[in-house]
Amino acid sequence: MPEVYDSLCKKYNIDICEAIEIYNYIRDFEENGFVNLNELNNYLTDNDKWEYYPTIRSLNTHGSYSDVPGIQPIHHSIVSKELNLKGGNDINWIVISVISIIFLSSLHLSSGVMHTTNFK
């Protein structure tokens, strides 16, 4: 196994298929001079190239848009770290994460699993 794949596997505790696809996804990003991951995702969609990413791809929901082609949140996080991306894309994932936490908390509250304290 090439060293770069092995490094990704160990660093992020992912399997070889994920590492190969992440490496190639990053390579496509850099070779095409994209600034954010949305550009790459649009490129892959417009050129019917998602078949090269069967393990990491997913249909995501962004605001009022659903079934937006992209990569799974965990892989998005890895790619963002490897590319040192800041700002635009990361803000969307922070908002999604906060909403997910609030939603999951509300499920626990409604099931009686989680207890709250009254603050005065």
PDB file of N, CA and C in Angstrom:
ATOM      1  N   MET A   1       0.860  -1.176   0.000  1.00  0.00           N
ATOM      2  CA  MET A   1       0.000   0.000   0.000  1.00  0.00           C
ATOM      3  C   MET A   1       0.902   1.233   0.000  1.00  0.00           C
ATOM      4  N   PRO A   2       0.637   2.168  -0.930  1.00  0.00           N
ATOM      5  CA  PRO A   2       1.454   3.387  -0.948  1.00  0.00           C
ATOM      6  C   PRO A   2       1.402   4.109   0.399  1.00  0.00           C
ATOM      7  N   GLU A   3       2.498   4.765   0.732  1.00  0.00           N
ATOM      8  CA  GLU A   3       2.653   5.419   2.029  1.00  0.00           C
ATOM      9  C   GLU A   3       1.565   6.466   2.305  1.00  0.00           C
ATOM     10  N   VAL A   4       1.150   7.210   1.277  1.00  0.00           N
ATOM     11  CA  VAL A   4       0.152   8.259   1.483  1.00  0.00           C
ATOM     12  C   VAL A   4      -1.180   7.652   1.926  1.00  0.00           C
ATOM     13  N   TYR A   5      -1.566   6.500   1.364  1.00  0.00           N
ATOM     14  CA  TYR A   5      -2.815   5.844   1.765  1.00  0.00           C
ATOM     15  C   TYR A   5      -2.704   5.331   3.192  1.00  0.00           C
ATOM     16  N   ASP A   6      -1.571   4.721   3.482  1.00  0.00           N
ATOM     17  CA  ASP A   6      -1.335   4.186   4.822  1.00  0.00           C
ATOM     18  C   ASP A   6      -1.380   5.304   5.856  1.00  0.00           C
ATOM     19  N   SER A   7      -0.803   6.438   5.512  1.00  0.00           N
ATOM     20  CA  SER A   7      -0.792   7.588   6.406  1.00  0.00           C
ATOM     21  C   SER A   7      -2.216   8.076   6.699  1.00  0.00           C
ATOM     22  N   LEU A   8      -3.047   8.192   5.656  1.00  0.00           N
ATOM     23  CA  LEU A   8      -4.439   8.613   5.846  1.00  0.00           C
ATOM     24  C   LEU A   8      -5.207   7.603   6.698  1.00  0.00           C
ATOM     25  N   CYS A   9      -4.981   6.311   6.447  1.00  0.00           N
ATOM     26  CA  CYS A   9      -5.660   5.259   7.222  1.00  0.00           C
ATOM     27  C   CYS A   9      -5.343   5.380   8.706  1.00  0.00           C
ATOM     28  N   LYS A  10      -4.082   5.554   9.007  1.00  0.00           N
ATOM     29  CA  LYS A  10      -3.662   5.633  10.412  1.00  0.00           C
ATOM     30  C   LYS A  10      -4.104   6.949  11.061  1.00  0.00           C
ATOM     31  N   LYS A  11      -3.948   8.039  10.348  1.00  0.00           N
ATOM     32  CA  LYS A  11      -4.255   9.360  10.900  1.00  0.00           C
ATOM     33  C   LYS A  11      -5.734   9.516  11.233  1.00  0.00           C
ATOM     34  N   TYR A  12      -6.613   8.951  10.372  1.00  0.00           N
ATOM     35  CA  TYR A  12      -8.046   9.168  10.541  1.00  0.00           C
ATOM     36  C   TYR A  12      -8.831   7.889  10.853  1.00  0.00           C
ATOM     37  N   ASN A  13      -8.113   6.788  11.053  1.00  0.00           N
ATOM     38  CA  ASN A  13      -8.748   5.504  11.366  1.00  0.00           C
ATOM     39  C   ASN A  13      -9.814   5.142  10.318  1.00  0.00           C
ATOM     40  N   ILE A  14      -9.417   5.182   9.051  1.00  0.00           N
ATOM     41  CA  ILE A  14     -10.310   4.844   7.946  1.00  0.00           C
ATOM     42  C   ILE A  14      -9.730   3.650   7.197  1.00  0.00           C
ATOM     43  N   ASP A  15     -10.544   3.023   6.352  1.00  0.00           N
ATOM     44  CA  ASP A  15     -10.053   1.870   5.606  1.00  0.00           C
ATOM     45  C   ASP A  15      -9.381   2.321   4.305  1.00  0.00           C
ATOM     46  N   ILE A  16      -8.775   1.380   3.624  1.00  0.00           N
ATOM     47  CA  ILE A  16      -7.985   1.688   2.428  1.00  0.00           C
ATOM     48  C   ILE A  16      -8.853   2.275   1.314  1.00  0.00           C
ATOM     49  N   CYS A  17     -10.086   1.782   1.157  1.00  0.00           N
ATOM     50  CA  CYS A  17     -10.974   2.324   0.110  1.00  0.00           C
ATOM     51  C   CYS A  17     -11.257   3.806   0.356  1.00  0.00           C
ATOM     52  N   GLU A  18     -11.541   4.148   1.601  1.00  0.00           N
ATOM     53  CA  GLU A  18     -11.783   5.551   1.943  1.00  0.00           C
ATOM     54  C   GLU A  18     -10.533   6.388   1.682  1.00  0.00           C
ATOM     55  N   ALA A  19      -9.372   5.869   2.082  1.00  0.00           N
ATOM     56  CA  ALA A  19      -8.118   6.606   1.911  1.00  0.00           C
ATOM     57  C   ALA A  19      -7.822   6.876   0.439  1.00  0.00           C
ATOM     58  N   ILE A  20      -8.019   5.878  -0.407  1.00  0.00           N
ATOM     59  CA  ILE A  20      -7.760   6.043  -1.845  1.00  0.00           C
ATOM     60  C   ILE A  20      -8.698   7.098  -2.427  1.00  0.00           C
ATOM     61  N   GLU A  21      -9.985   7.014  -2.086  1.00  0.00           N
ATOM     62  CA  GLU A  21     -10.945   7.973  -2.623  1.00  0.00           C
ATOM     63  C   GLU A  21     -10.691   9.388  -2.101  1.00  0.00           C
ATOM     64  N   ILE A  22     -10.361   9.513  -0.830  1.00  0.00           N
ATOM     65  CA  ILE A  22     -10.056  10.832  -0.269  1.00  0.00           C
ATOM     66  C   ILE A  22      -8.829  11.424  -0.949  1.00  0.00           C
ATOM     67  N   TYR A  23      -7.802  10.612  -1.127  1.00  0.00           N
ATOM     68  CA  TYR A  23      -6.589  11.079  -1.803  1.00  0.00           C
ATOM     69  C   TYR A  23      -6.921  11.571  -3.221  1.00  0.00           C
ATOM     70  N   ASN A  24      -7.703  10.783  -3.964  1.00  0.00           N
ATOM     71  CA  ASN A  24      -8.058  11.164  -5.335  1.00  0.00           C
ATOM     72  C   ASN A  24      -8.972  12.387  -5.370  1.00  0.00           C
ATOM     73  N   TYR A  25      -9.864  12.490  -4.410  1.00  0.00           N
ATOM     74  CA  TYR A  25     -10.758  13.644  -4.303  1.00  0.00           C
ATOM     75  C   TYR A  25      -9.932  14.911  -4.072  1.00  0.00           C
ATOM     76  N   ILE A  26      -8.969  14.827  -3.166  1.00  0.00           N
ATOM     77  CA  ILE A  26      -8.075  15.963  -2.892  1.00  0.00           C
ATOM     78  C   ILE A  26      -7.248  16.301  -4.134  1.00  0.00           C
ATOM     79  N   ARG A  27      -6.771  15.275  -4.816  1.00  0.00           N
ATOM     80  CA  ARG A  27      -5.987  15.495  -6.033  1.00  0.00           C
ATOM     81  C   ARG A  27      -6.827  16.211  -7.089  1.00  0.00           C
ATOM     82  N   ASP A  28      -8.083  15.775  -7.275  1.00  0.00           N
ATOM     83  CA  ASP A  28      -8.975  16.449  -8.233  1.00  0.00           C
ATOM     84  C   ASP A  28      -9.204  17.908  -7.843  1.00  0.00           C
ATOM     85  N   PHE A  29      -9.359  18.157  -6.555  1.00  0.00           N
ATOM     86  CA  PHE A  29      -9.553  19.515  -6.046  1.00  0.00           C
ATOM     87  C   PHE A  29      -8.355  20.385  -6.418  1.00  0.00           C
ATOM     88  N   GLU A  30      -7.166  19.901  -6.118  1.00  0.00           N
ATOM     89  CA  GLU A  30      -5.949  20.688  -6.356  1.00  0.00           C
ATOM     90  C   GLU A  30      -5.638  20.836  -7.839  1.00  0.00           C
ATOM     91  N   GLU A  31      -5.773  19.765  -8.605  1.00  0.00           N
ATOM     92  CA  GLU A  31      -5.441  19.817 -10.034  1.00  0.00           C
ATOM     93  C   GLU A  31      -6.350  20.759 -10.817  1.00  0.00           C
ATOM     94  N   ASN A  32      -7.583  20.929 -10.340  1.00  0.00           N
ATOM     95  CA  ASN A  32      -8.528  21.804 -11.033  1.00  0.00           C
ATOM     96  C   ASN A  32      -8.532  23.218 -10.475  1.00  0.00           C
ATOM     97  N   GLY A  33      -7.736  23.472  -9.445  1.00  0.00           N
ATOM     98  CA  GLY A  33      -7.616  24.816  -8.892  1.00  0.00           C
ATOM     99  C   GLY A  33      -8.863  25.328  -8.204  1.00  0.00           C
ATOM    100  N   PHE A  34      -9.648  24.421  -7.642  1.00  0.00           N
ATOM    101  CA  PHE A  34     -10.864  24.843  -6.958  1.00  0.00           C
ATOM    102  C   PHE A  34     -10.531  25.525  -5.642  1.00  0.00           C
ATOM    103  N   VAL A  35     -11.445  26.393  -5.203  1.00  0.00           N
ATOM    104  CA  VAL A  35     -11.266  27.137  -3.963  1.00  0.00           C
ATOM    105  C   VAL A  35     -12.087  26.521  -2.829  1.00  0.00           C
ATOM    106  N   ASN A  36     -13.240  25.931  -3.183  1.00  0.00           N
ATOM    107  CA  ASN A  36     -14.057  25.284  -2.157  1.00  0.00           C
ATOM    108  C   ASN A  36     -14.575  23.947  -2.670  1.00  0.00           C
ATOM    109  N   LEU A  37     -15.055  23.130  -1.768  1.00  0.00           N
ATOM    110  CA  LEU A  37     -15.472  21.778  -2.130  1.00  0.00           C
ATOM    111  C   LEU A  37     -16.737  21.766  -2.983  1.00  0.00           C
ATOM    112  N   ASN A  38     -17.556  22.795  -2.868  1.00  0.00           N
ATOM    113  CA  ASN A  38     -18.754  22.868  -3.714  1.00  0.00           C
ATOM    114  C   ASN A  38     -18.383  22.897  -5.192  1.00  0.00           C
ATOM    115  N   GLU A  39     -17.300  23.582  -5.515  1.00  0.00           N
ATOM    116  CA  GLU A  39     -16.846  23.625  -6.908  1.00  0.00           C
ATOM    117  C   GLU A  39     -16.478  22.234  -7.402  1.00  0.00           C
ATOM    118  N   LEU A  40     -15.770  21.490  -6.583  1.00  0.00           N
ATOM    119  CA  LEU A  40     -15.390  20.129  -6.968  1.00  0.00           C
ATOM    120  C   LEU A  40     -16.631  19.261  -7.097  1.00  0.00           C
ATOM    121  N   ASN A  41     -17.550  19.363  -6.137  1.00  0.00           N
ATOM    122  CA  ASN A  41     -18.768  18.556  -6.200  1.00  0.00           C
ATOM    123  C   ASN A  41     -19.572  18.858  -7.471  1.00  0.00           C
ATOM    124  N   ASN A  42     -19.666  20.129  -7.824  1.00  0.00           N
ATOM    125  CA  ASN A  42     -20.365  20.507  -9.060  1.00  0.00           C
ATOM    126  C   ASN A  42     -19.651  19.956 -10.285  1.00  0.00           C
ATOM    127  N   TYR A  43     -18.327  20.021 -10.273  1.00  0.00           N
ATOM    128  CA  TYR A  43     -17.525  19.471 -11.370  1.00  0.00           C
ATOM    129  C   TYR A  43     -17.773  17.972 -11.521  1.00  0.00           C
ATOM    130  N   LEU A  44     -17.759  17.253 -10.410  1.00  0.00           N
ATOM    131  CA  LEU A  44     -17.984  15.808 -10.458  1.00  0.00           C
ATOM    132  C   LEU A  44     -19.384  15.490 -10.966  1.00  0.00           C
ATOM    133  N   THR A  45     -20.368  16.287 -10.560  1.00  0.00           N
ATOM    134  CA  THR A  45     -21.743  16.084 -11.008  1.00  0.00           C
ATOM    135  C   THR A  45     -21.873  16.389 -12.504  1.00  0.00           C
ATOM    136  N   ASP A  46     -21.358  17.548 -12.918  1.00  0.00           N
ATOM    137  CA  ASP A  46     -21.471  17.973 -14.314  1.00  0.00           C
ATOM    138  C   ASP A  46     -20.753  17.033 -15.275  1.00  0.00           C
ATOM    139  N   ASN A  47     -19.707  16.366 -14.801  1.00  0.00           N
ATOM    140  CA  ASN A  47     -18.904  15.490 -15.658  1.00  0.00           C
ATOM    141  C   ASN A  47     -19.128  14.001 -15.377  1.00  0.00           C
ATOM    142  N   ASP A  48     -20.197  13.698 -14.648  1.00  0.00           N
ATOM    143  CA  ASP A  48     -20.553  12.298 -14.326  1.00  0.00           C
ATOM    144  C   ASP A  48     -19.363  11.507 -13.788  1.00  0.00           C
ATOM    145  N   LYS A  49     -18.700  12.078 -12.775  1.00  0.00           N
ATOM    146  CA  LYS A  49     -17.515  11.424 -12.216  1.00  0.00           C
ATOM    147  C   LYS A  49     -17.709  10.917 -10.787  1.00  0.00           C
ATOM    148  N   TRP A  50     -18.946  10.965 -10.275  1.00  0.00           N
ATOM    149  CA  TRP A  50     -19.157  10.480  -8.912  1.00  0.00           C
ATOM    150  C   TRP A  50     -18.908   8.983  -8.794  1.00  0.00           C
ATOM    151  N   GLU A  51     -18.952   8.263  -9.895  1.00  0.00           N
ATOM    152  CA  GLU A  51     -18.708   6.817  -9.857  1.00  0.00           C
ATOM    153  C   GLU A  51     -17.305   6.478  -9.337  1.00  0.00           C
ATOM    154  N   TYR A  52     -16.394   7.438  -9.381  1.00  0.00           N
ATOM    155  CA  TYR A  52     -15.038   7.208  -8.886  1.00  0.00           C
ATOM    156  C   TYR A  52     -14.953   7.328  -7.359  1.00  0.00           C
ATOM    157  N   TYR A  53     -16.057   7.697  -6.722  1.00  0.00           N
ATOM    158  CA  TYR A  53     -16.079   7.910  -5.274  1.00  0.00           C
ATOM    159  C   TYR A  53     -17.247   7.176  -4.607  1.00  0.00           C
ATOM    160  N   PRO A  54     -17.389   5.880  -4.850  1.00  0.00           N
ATOM    161  CA  PRO A  54     -18.555   5.156  -4.314  1.00  0.00           C
ATOM    162  C   PRO A  54     -18.585   5.047  -2.788  1.00  0.00           C
ATOM    163  N   THR A  55     -17.439   5.100  -2.155  1.00  0.00           N
ATOM    164  CA  THR A  55     -17.373   4.918  -0.704  1.00  0.00           C
ATOM    165  C   THR A  55     -17.629   6.217   0.058  1.00  0.00           C
ATOM    166  N   ILE A  56     -17.127   7.338  -0.452  1.00  0.00           N
ATOM    167  CA  ILE A  56     -17.225   8.597   0.301  1.00  0.00           C
ATOM    168  C   ILE A  56     -18.366   9.500  -0.141  1.00  0.00           C
ATOM    169  N   ARG A  57     -18.981   9.221  -1.268  1.00  0.00           N
ATOM    170  CA  ARG A  57     -20.032  10.113  -1.767  1.00  0.00           C
ATOM    171  C   ARG A  57     -21.312   9.955  -0.961  1.00  0.00           C
ATOM    172  N   SER A  58     -22.135  10.997  -1.010  1.00  0.00           N
ATOM    173  CA  SER A  58     -23.451  10.949  -0.377  1.00  0.00           C
ATOM    174  C   SER A  58     -24.322  12.042  -0.960  1.00  0.00           C
ATOM    175  N   LEU A  59     -25.604  11.919  -0.730  1.00  0.00           N
ATOM    176  CA  LEU A  59     -26.540  12.990  -1.078  1.00  0.00           C
ATOM    177  C   LEU A  59     -26.828  13.730   0.212  1.00  0.00           C
ATOM    178  N   ASN A  60     -26.531  15.003   0.239  1.00  0.00           N
ATOM    179  CA  ASN A  60     -26.630  15.802   1.454  1.00  0.00           C
ATOM    180  C   ASN A  60     -27.790  16.776   1.391  1.00  0.00           C
ATOM    181  N   THR A  61     -28.114  17.316   2.542  1.00  0.00           N
ATOM    182  CA  THR A  61     -29.137  18.346   2.658  1.00  0.00           C
ATOM    183  C   THR A  61     -28.454  19.626   3.112  1.00  0.00           C
ATOM    184  N   HIS A  62     -28.683  20.707   2.372  1.00  0.00           N
ATOM    185  CA  HIS A  62     -28.124  22.016   2.710  1.00  0.00           C
ATOM    186  C   HIS A  62     -29.266  23.016   2.728  1.00  0.00           C
ATOM    187  N   GLY A  63     -29.688  23.398   3.910  1.00  0.00           N
ATOM    188  CA  GLY A  63     -30.785  24.359   4.029  1.00  0.00           C
ATOM    189  C   GLY A  63     -32.050  23.808   3.407  1.00  0.00           C
ATOM    190  N   SER A  64     -32.597  24.531   2.436  1.00  0.00           N
ATOM    191  CA  SER A  64     -33.830  24.082   1.799  1.00  0.00           C
ATOM    192  C   SER A  64     -33.563  23.137   0.627  1.00  0.00           C
ATOM    193  N   TYR A  65     -32.303  22.856   0.362  1.00  0.00           N
ATOM    194  CA  TYR A  65     -31.948  21.960  -0.734  1.00  0.00           C
ATOM    195  C   TYR A  65     -31.667  20.567  -0.182  1.00  0.00           C
ATOM    196  N   SER A  66     -32.240  19.555  -0.821  1.00  0.00           N
ATOM    197  CA  SER A  66     -31.941  18.194  -0.398  1.00  0.00           C
ATOM    198  C   SER A  66     -31.405  17.420  -1.591  1.00  0.00           C
ATOM    199  N   ASP A  67     -30.776  16.314  -1.290  1.00  0.00           N
ATOM    200  CA  ASP A  67     -30.167  15.462  -2.314  1.00  0.00           C
ATOM    201  C   ASP A  67     -29.112  16.200  -3.137  1.00  0.00           C
ATOM    202  N   VAL A  68     -28.267  16.949  -2.439  1.00  0.00           N
ATOM    203  CA  VAL A  68     -27.167  17.663  -3.077  1.00  0.00           C
ATOM    204  C   VAL A  68     -25.965  16.717  -3.103  1.00  0.00           C
ATOM    205  N   PRO A  69     -25.439  16.384  -4.296  1.00  0.00           N
ATOM    206  CA  PRO A  69     -24.290  15.478  -4.354  1.00  0.00           C
ATOM    207  C   PRO A  69     -23.081  16.060  -3.627  1.00  0.00           C
ATOM    208  N   GLY A  70     -22.457  15.236  -2.822  1.00  0.00           N
ATOM    209  CA  GLY A  70     -21.272  15.644  -2.079  1.00  0.00           C
ATOM    210  C   GLY A  70     -20.634  14.435  -1.431  1.00  0.00           C
ATOM    211  N   ILE A  71     -19.869  14.678  -0.389  1.00  0.00           N
ATOM    212  CA  ILE A  71     -19.246  13.575   0.330  1.00  0.00           C
ATOM    213  C   ILE A  71     -19.791  13.534   1.749  1.00  0.00           C
ATOM    214  N   GLN A  72     -19.661  12.376   2.382  1.00  0.00           N
ATOM    215  CA  GLN A  72     -20.176  12.194   3.726  1.00  0.00           C
ATOM    216  C   GLN A  72     -19.498  13.168   4.696  1.00  0.00           C
ATOM    217  N   PRO A  73     -20.225  13.591   5.728  1.00  0.00           N
ATOM    218  CA  PRO A  73     -19.677  14.572   6.667  1.00  0.00           C
ATOM    219  C   PRO A  73     -18.309  14.189   7.250  1.00  0.00           C
ATOM    220  N   ILE A  74     -18.120  12.941   7.607  1.00  0.00           N
ATOM    221  CA  ILE A  74     -16.819  12.540   8.172  1.00  0.00           C
ATOM    222  C   ILE A  74     -15.708  12.712   7.143  1.00  0.00           C
ATOM    223  N   HIS A  75     -15.990  12.396   5.897  1.00  0.00           N
ATOM    224  CA  HIS A  75     -14.980  12.546   4.846  1.00  0.00           C
ATOM    225  C   HIS A  75     -14.773  14.021   4.499  1.00  0.00           C
ATOM    226  N   HIS A  76     -15.833  14.806   4.583  1.00  0.00           N
ATOM    227  CA  HIS A  76     -15.731  16.254   4.374  1.00  0.00           C
ATOM    228  C   HIS A  76     -14.775  16.845   5.406  1.00  0.00           C
ATOM    229  N   SER A  77     -14.907  16.403   6.638  1.00  0.00           N
ATOM    230  CA  SER A  77     -14.046  16.884   7.708  1.00  0.00           C
ATOM    231  C   SER A  77     -12.584  16.535   7.441  1.00  0.00           C
ATOM    232  N   ILE A  78     -12.336  15.313   7.011  1.00  0.00           N
ATOM    233  CA  ILE A  78     -10.961  14.868   6.714  1.00  0.00           C
ATOM    234  C   ILE A  78     -10.385  15.687   5.567  1.00  0.00           C
ATOM    235  N   VAL A  79     -11.144  15.817   4.485  1.00  0.00           N
ATOM    236  CA  VAL A  79     -10.674  16.573   3.314  1.00  0.00           C
ATOM    237  C   VAL A  79     -10.399  18.027   3.700  1.00  0.00           C
ATOM    238  N   SER A  80     -11.301  18.622   4.471  1.00  0.00           N
ATOM    239  CA  SER A  80     -11.113  20.015   4.896  1.00  0.00           C
ATOM    240  C   SER A  80      -9.836  20.172   5.707  1.00  0.00           C
ATOM    241  N   LYS A  81      -9.566  19.210   6.594  1.00  0.00           N
ATOM    242  CA  LYS A  81      -8.330  19.271   7.389  1.00  0.00           C
ATOM    243  C   LYS A  81      -7.107  19.126   6.500  1.00  0.00           C
ATOM    244  N   GLU A  82      -7.152  18.173   5.586  1.00  0.00           N
ATOM    245  CA  GLU A  82      -5.998  17.942   4.709  1.00  0.00           C
ATOM    246  C   GLU A  82      -5.726  19.124   3.787  1.00  0.00           C
ATOM    247  N   LEU A  83      -6.785  19.801   3.352  1.00  0.00           N
ATOM    248  CA  LEU A  83      -6.631  20.961   2.467  1.00  0.00           C
ATOM    249  C   LEU A  83      -6.521  22.273   3.236  1.00  0.00           C
ATOM    250  N   ASN A  84      -6.647  22.186   4.564  1.00  0.00           N
ATOM    251  CA  ASN A  84      -6.598  23.365   5.418  1.00  0.00           C
ATOM    252  C   ASN A  84      -7.629  24.408   4.985  1.00  0.00           C
ATOM    253  N   LEU A  85      -8.853  23.919   4.720  1.00  0.00           N
ATOM    254  CA  LEU A  85      -9.933  24.821   4.315  1.00  0.00           C
ATOM    255  C   LEU A  85     -10.546  25.478   5.528  1.00  0.00           C
ATOM    256  N   LYS A  86     -10.810  26.737   5.390  1.00  0.00           N
ATOM    257  CA  LYS A  86     -11.443  27.511   6.457  1.00  0.00           C
ATOM    258  C   LYS A  86     -12.577  28.318   5.846  1.00  0.00           C
ATOM    259  N   GLY A  87     -13.537  28.705   6.672  1.00  0.00           N
ATOM    260  CA  GLY A  87     -14.586  29.608   6.218  1.00  0.00           C
ATOM    261  C   GLY A  87     -15.768  28.914   5.596  1.00  0.00           C
ATOM    262  N   GLY A  88     -16.195  29.405   4.426  1.00  0.00           N
ATOM    263  CA  GLY A  88     -17.422  29.018   3.748  1.00  0.00           C
ATOM    264  C   GLY A  88     -17.932  27.615   3.987  1.00  0.00           C
ATOM    265  N   ASN A  89     -17.248  26.627   3.475  1.00  0.00           N
ATOM    266  CA  ASN A  89     -17.727  25.248   3.616  1.00  0.00           C
ATOM    267  C   ASN A  89     -17.816  24.833   5.065  1.00  0.00           C
ATOM    268  N   ASP A  90     -16.827  25.179   5.865  1.00  0.00           N
ATOM    269  CA  ASP A  90     -16.802  24.747   7.253  1.00  0.00           C
ATOM    270  C   ASP A  90     -17.966  25.324   8.043  1.00  0.00           C
ATOM    271  N   ILE A  91     -18.382  26.537   7.726  1.00  0.00           N
ATOM    272  CA  ILE A  91     -19.501  27.158   8.433  1.00  0.00           C
ATOM    273  C   ILE A  91     -20.766  26.333   8.236  1.00  0.00           C
ATOM    274  N   ASN A  92     -21.011  25.854   7.016  1.00  0.00           N
ATOM    275  CA  ASN A  92     -22.189  25.018   6.770  1.00  0.00           C
ATOM    276  C   ASN A  92     -22.185  23.795   7.664  1.00  0.00           C
ATOM    277  N   TRP A  93     -21.045  23.153   7.816  1.00  0.00           N
ATOM    278  CA  TRP A  93     -20.974  21.933   8.613  1.00  0.00           C
ATOM    279  C   TRP A  93     -21.109  22.241  10.097  1.00  0.00           C
ATOM    280  N   ILE A  94     -20.643  23.401  10.535  1.00  0.00           N
ATOM    281  CA  ILE A  94     -20.823  23.781  11.938  1.00  0.00           C
ATOM    282  C   ILE A  94     -22.304  23.971  12.217  1.00  0.00           C
ATOM    283  N   VAL A  95     -22.994  24.664  11.322  1.00  0.00           N
ATOM    284  CA  VAL A  95     -24.432  24.891  11.497  1.00  0.00           C
ATOM    285  C   VAL A  95     -25.173  23.565  11.496  1.00  0.00           C
ATOM    286  N   ILE A  96     -24.857  22.686  10.567  1.00  0.00           N
ATOM    287  CA  ILE A  96     -25.505  21.375  10.500  1.00  0.00           C
ATOM    288  C   ILE A  96     -25.238  20.594  11.781  1.00  0.00           C
ATOM    289  N   SER A  97     -24.014  20.641  12.278  1.00  0.00           N
ATOM    290  CA  SER A  97     -23.674  19.925  13.507  1.00  0.00           C
ATOM    291  C   SER A  97     -24.458  20.450  14.698  1.00  0.00           C
ATOM    292  N   VAL A  98     -24.561  21.777  14.815  1.00  0.00           N
ATOM    293  CA  VAL A  98     -25.300  22.381  15.929  1.00  0.00           C
ATOM    294  C   VAL A  98     -26.770  21.999  15.843  1.00  0.00           C
ATOM    295  N   ILE A  99     -27.343  22.061  14.652  1.00  0.00           N
ATOM    296  CA  ILE A  99     -28.752  21.679  14.474  1.00  0.00           C
ATOM    297  C   ILE A  99     -28.944  20.208  14.831  1.00  0.00           C
ATOM    298  N   SER A 100     -28.012  19.354  14.420  1.00  0.00           N
ATOM    299  CA  SER A 100     -28.106  17.927  14.742  1.00  0.00           C
ATOM    300  C   SER A 100     -28.063  17.701  16.246  1.00  0.00           C
ATOM    301  N   ILE A 101     -27.184  18.407  16.935  1.00  0.00           N
ATOM    302  CA  ILE A 101     -27.072  18.270  18.391  1.00  0.00           C
ATOM    303  C   ILE A 101     -28.365  18.708  19.060  1.00  0.00           C
ATOM    304  N   ILE A 102     -28.918  19.826  18.607  1.00  0.00           N
ATOM    305  CA  ILE A 102     -30.173  20.320  19.178  1.00  0.00           C
ATOM    306  C   ILE A 102     -31.291  19.317  18.932  1.00  0.00           C
ATOM    307  N   PHE A 103     -31.360  18.793  17.725  1.00  0.00           N
ATOM    308  CA  PHE A 103     -32.398  17.822  17.384  1.00  0.00           C
ATOM    309  C   PHE A 103     -32.270  16.563  18.239  1.00  0.00           C
ATOM    310  N   LEU A 104     -31.050  16.023  18.339  1.00  0.00           N
ATOM    311  CA  LEU A 104     -30.841  14.814  19.134  1.00  0.00           C
ATOM    312  C   LEU A 104     -31.143  15.071  20.605  1.00  0.00           C
ATOM    313  N   SER A 105     -30.784  16.241  21.096  1.00  0.00           N
ATOM    314  CA  SER A 105     -31.091  16.593  22.480  1.00  0.00           C
ATOM    315  C   SER A 105     -32.591  16.636  22.707  1.00  0.00           C
ATOM    316  N   SER A 106     -33.322  17.179  21.746  1.00  0.00           N
ATOM    317  CA  SER A 106     -34.780  17.258  21.897  1.00  0.00           C
ATOM    318  C   SER A 106     -35.395  15.867  21.906  1.00  0.00           C
ATOM    319  N   LEU A 107     -34.815  14.933  21.149  1.00  0.00           N
ATOM    320  CA  LEU A 107     -35.313  13.556  21.173  1.00  0.00           C
ATOM    321  C   LEU A 107     -35.100  12.938  22.546  1.00  0.00           C
ATOM    322  N   HIS A 108     -33.921  13.169  23.112  1.00  0.00           N
ATOM    323  CA  HIS A 108     -33.628  12.627  24.443  1.00  0.00           C
ATOM    324  C   HIS A 108     -34.535  13.256  25.491  1.00  0.00           C
ATOM    325  N   LEU A 109     -34.781  14.561  25.367  1.00  0.00           N
ATOM    326  CA  LEU A 109     -35.649  15.249  26.325  1.00  0.00           C
ATOM    327  C   LEU A 109     -37.066  14.699  26.262  1.00  0.00           C
ATOM    328  N   SER A 110     -37.557  14.479  25.046  1.00  0.00           N
ATOM    329  CA  SER A 110     -38.933  13.999  24.907  1.00  0.00           C
ATOM    330  C   SER A 110     -39.076  12.551  25.371  1.00  0.00           C
ATOM    331  N   SER A 111     -37.973  11.793  25.371  1.00  0.00           N
ATOM    332  CA  SER A 111     -38.049  10.402  25.811  1.00  0.00           C
ATOM    333  C   SER A 111     -37.816  10.274  27.314  1.00  0.00           C
ATOM    334  N   GLY A 112     -37.476  11.382  27.963  1.00  0.00           N
ATOM    335  CA  GLY A 112     -37.243  11.358  29.398  1.00  0.00           C
ATOM    336  C   GLY A 112     -35.856  10.879  29.787  1.00  0.00           C
ATOM    337  N   VAL A 113     -34.994  10.662  28.808  1.00  0.00           N
ATOM    338  CA  VAL A 113     -33.647  10.179  29.088  1.00  0.00           C
ATOM    339  C   VAL A 113     -32.778  11.283  29.655  1.00  0.00           C
ATOM    340  N   MET A 114     -32.933  12.471  29.129  1.00  0.00           N
ATOM    341  CA  MET A 114     -32.094  13.593  29.527  1.00  0.00           C
ATOM    342  C   MET A 114     -32.880  14.472  30.497  1.00  0.00           C
ATOM    343  N   HIS A 115     -32.256  14.920  31.549  1.00  0.00           N
ATOM    344  CA  HIS A 115     -32.938  15.751  32.533  1.00  0.00           C
ATOM    345  C   HIS A 115     -32.340  17.146  32.515  1.00  0.00           C
ATOM    346  N   THR A 116     -33.175  18.131  32.762  1.00  0.00           N
ATOM    347  CA  THR A 116     -32.703  19.515  32.778  1.00  0.00           C
ATOM    348  C   THR A 116     -32.774  20.046  34.191  1.00  0.00           C
ATOM    349  N   THR A 117     -32.021  21.084  34.437  1.00  0.00           N
ATOM    350  CA  THR A 117     -32.022  21.755  35.730  1.00  0.00           C
ATOM    351  C   THR A 117     -32.650  23.125  35.557  1.00  0.00           C
ATOM    352  N   ASN A 118     -33.495  23.502  36.469  1.00  0.00           N
ATOM    353  CA  ASN A 118     -34.088  24.845  36.395  1.00  0.00           C
ATOM    354  C   ASN A 118     -33.087  25.862  36.931  1.00  0.00           C
ATOM    355  N   PHE A 119     -32.817  26.879  36.148  1.00  0.00           N
ATOM    356  CA  PHE A 119     -31.915  27.939  36.565  1.00  0.00           C
ATOM    357  C   PHE A 119     -32.738  29.150  36.929  1.00  0.00           C
ATOM    358  N   LYS A 120     -32.341  29.838  38.013  1.00  0.00           N
ATOM    359  CA  LYS A 120     -33.084  31.024  38.438  1.00  0.00           C
ATOM    360  C   LYS A 120     -32.405  32.270  37.966  1.00  0.00           C
TER     361      LYS A 120
END
